[in-house]
Protein backbone atom coordinates (compact mmCIF):
# COMPACT_ATOMS: atom_id res chain seq x y z
CA MET A 1 9.39 -18.21 -21.73
CA LYS A 2 12.47 -19.49 -19.89
CA HIS A 3 11.66 -22.34 -17.50
CA SER A 4 14.96 -22.68 -15.65
CA VAL A 5 17.06 -20.03 -13.91
CA ASN A 6 20.56 -20.20 -12.46
CA ALA A 7 21.42 -17.95 -9.51
CA ALA A 8 24.57 -16.79 -11.34
CA ASP A 9 22.29 -15.21 -13.98
CA VAL A 10 20.14 -13.20 -11.54
CA VAL A 11 20.74 -9.75 -10.07
CA SER A 12 21.63 -9.56 -6.38
CA THR A 13 19.95 -7.13 -3.99
CA GLU A 14 22.43 -6.08 -1.31
CA LEU A 15 20.69 -5.23 1.96
CA SER A 16 21.91 -3.90 5.30
CA TRP A 17 21.54 -7.41 6.76
CA GLY A 18 22.48 -9.63 3.78
CA VAL A 19 21.62 -10.31 0.15
CA ALA A 20 18.68 -11.65 -1.87
CA LYS A 21 18.43 -13.20 -5.34
CA TRP A 22 14.92 -13.65 -6.75
CA LEU A 23 15.08 -16.63 -9.11
CA ILE A 24 11.43 -17.07 -10.01
CA THR A 25 9.15 -14.04 -9.88
CA SER A 26 5.54 -13.52 -10.81
CA ALA A 27 6.57 -10.56 -13.00
CA ASP A 28 9.37 -12.31 -14.94
CA HIS A 29 7.87 -15.79 -15.21
CA ASN A 30 4.11 -15.24 -15.14
CA SER A 31 4.14 -17.53 -12.11
CA ALA A 32 1.58 -17.80 -9.33
CA MET A 33 4.45 -18.11 -6.84
CA SER A 34 7.98 -16.82 -6.42
CA LEU A 35 11.26 -18.26 -5.19
CA GLY A 36 14.46 -16.64 -3.99
CA GLU A 37 17.71 -17.29 -2.20
CA VAL A 38 18.27 -15.10 0.84
CA ILE A 39 21.39 -14.81 2.98
CA VAL A 40 21.23 -13.23 6.44
CA LEU A 41 24.74 -12.35 7.62
CA PRO A 42 26.11 -13.37 11.05
CA GLY A 43 24.68 -11.31 13.87
CA GLN A 44 22.16 -9.60 11.59
CA SER A 45 18.36 -9.53 11.53
CA HIS A 46 15.87 -8.59 8.92
CA GLU A 47 13.12 -6.20 9.86
CA TRP A 48 9.73 -6.95 11.42
CA HIS A 49 7.22 -6.96 8.56
CA ASN A 50 4.33 -8.80 7.00
CA HIS A 51 2.97 -9.72 3.57
CA GLU A 52 -0.68 -8.72 3.36
CA ASP A 53 -1.47 -10.84 0.30
CA SER A 54 0.96 -13.78 0.34
CA ASP A 55 1.88 -16.86 2.34
CA GLU A 56 5.62 -17.30 2.84
CA VAL A 57 7.52 -20.56 3.17
CA VAL A 58 11.16 -20.55 4.29
CA TYR A 59 13.55 -23.49 4.00
CA VAL A 60 16.92 -23.38 5.78
CA ILE A 61 19.79 -24.55 3.57
CA SER A 62 22.55 -23.80 6.09
CA GLY A 63 23.32 -21.72 9.17
CA ARG A 64 21.56 -21.21 12.48
CA GLY A 65 19.12 -18.62 13.64
CA SER A 66 15.58 -17.93 14.67
CA PHE A 67 12.37 -16.58 13.20
CA THR A 68 9.77 -14.67 15.15
CA VAL A 69 6.38 -15.50 13.66
CA GLY A 70 3.66 -13.46 15.32
CA GLU A 71 4.11 -11.63 18.60
CA GLY A 72 6.38 -13.49 21.02
CA ASN A 73 6.67 -16.69 18.99
CA ARG A 74 10.44 -17.08 18.41
CA ILE A 75 11.35 -20.35 16.68
CA PRO A 76 14.94 -21.69 16.49
CA ILE A 77 15.93 -22.77 12.96
CA GLY A 78 18.74 -24.76 11.39
CA PRO A 79 19.56 -26.79 8.27
CA GLY A 80 16.61 -28.78 6.94
CA ASP A 81 13.96 -26.79 8.82
CA ALA A 82 10.94 -25.42 6.95
CA LEU A 83 8.72 -22.65 8.23
CA HIS A 84 5.27 -21.43 7.09
CA ILE A 85 4.31 -17.79 7.65
CA PRO A 86 0.59 -17.22 6.92
CA VAL A 87 -0.76 -14.22 5.03
CA GLY A 88 -0.64 -11.03 7.11
CA VAL A 89 1.37 -12.44 10.04
CA PHE A 90 4.26 -10.21 11.15
CA HIS A 91 7.67 -11.89 11.28
CA ASP A 92 11.43 -11.37 11.24
CA SER A 93 14.58 -13.46 11.05
CA HIS A 94 17.79 -13.48 13.08
CA ASN A 95 21.14 -15.07 12.31
CA THR A 96 22.34 -16.24 15.73
CA GLY A 97 25.32 -18.19 14.38
CA TRP A 98 28.80 -17.37 13.13
CA ALA A 99 28.15 -18.40 9.49
CA PRO A 100 25.72 -16.94 6.94
CA LEU A 101 22.10 -18.09 7.32
CA HIS A 102 21.23 -19.36 3.82
CA LEU A 103 17.51 -19.62 3.07
CA LEU A 104 15.15 -20.48 0.23
CA VAL A 105 12.12 -18.19 0.41
CA MET A 106 8.86 -18.80 -1.44
CA TYR A 107 5.77 -16.58 -1.71
CA SER A 108 2.33 -17.68 -2.82
CA PRO A 109 1.02 -15.80 -4.62
CA GLY A 110 4.23 -14.17 -5.78
CA GLY A 111 4.63 -10.43 -5.52
CA PRO A 112 6.36 -9.37 -2.29
CA GLU A 113 9.74 -9.78 -4.01
CA GLY A 114 8.78 -7.25 -6.68
CA GLY A 115 9.84 -3.95 -5.16
CA THR A 116 13.35 -2.84 -4.36
CA PRO A 117 13.52 -2.73 -0.56
CA GLU A 118 13.92 0.76 0.84
CA ASN A 119 17.01 -0.36 2.75
CA ALA A 120 18.78 -1.86 -0.29
CA HIS A 121 22.36 -0.65 -0.61
CA ALA A 122 22.73 -1.66 -4.24
CA ILE A 123 21.38 -3.84 -7.00
CA HIS A 124 24.23 -5.84 -8.56
CA ALA A 125 24.02 -7.13 -12.13
CA ALA A 126 24.34 -10.89 -12.59
CA ASP A 127 27.82 -10.53 -14.11
CA GLU A 128 28.99 -8.06 -11.44
CA GLY A 129 30.99 -9.40 -8.51
CA LEU A 130 29.43 -9.26 -5.07
CA VAL A 131 31.69 -9.02 -2.04
CA MET A 132 29.98 -10.51 0.98
CA ARG A 133 30.84 -8.80 4.24
CA THR A 134 30.36 -10.11 7.75
CA SER A 135 29.24 -8.49 10.95
CA VAL A 136 32.88 -8.37 12.08
CA ASP A 137 34.16 -4.78 12.20
CA GLU A 138 37.04 -4.68 9.73
CA HIS A 139 39.68 -1.98 10.39
CA ALA A 140 41.94 -2.08 7.34
């Protein structure tokens, strides 16, 4: 079993609002938890949802935004902030800044990262280039 993973060696899941790379998964590493890098693009949000069987912890690497955790509980976030989302609590994220919102996301127990999201545009192989877009409308 491989004990270390580099993001360059992991597939990327392109979403309507950003991209996710799941580095440690319960399926691939027989782990009780999972870890991924998530990028929410400027001006984008990720959908209101919950995880019925897992706690989620989010750590902000860079960027600015907010999380709504439970009804009406919007929390501003920035670099160095950590956020706990208990099992079953609905939540979403919003990038309110001009730069990508770069997050580390952990689930315990792992599992929510396992399915391909219904709104995924593409799954990119580790050795395939990924062109990040922004929320700016490009007319070229």
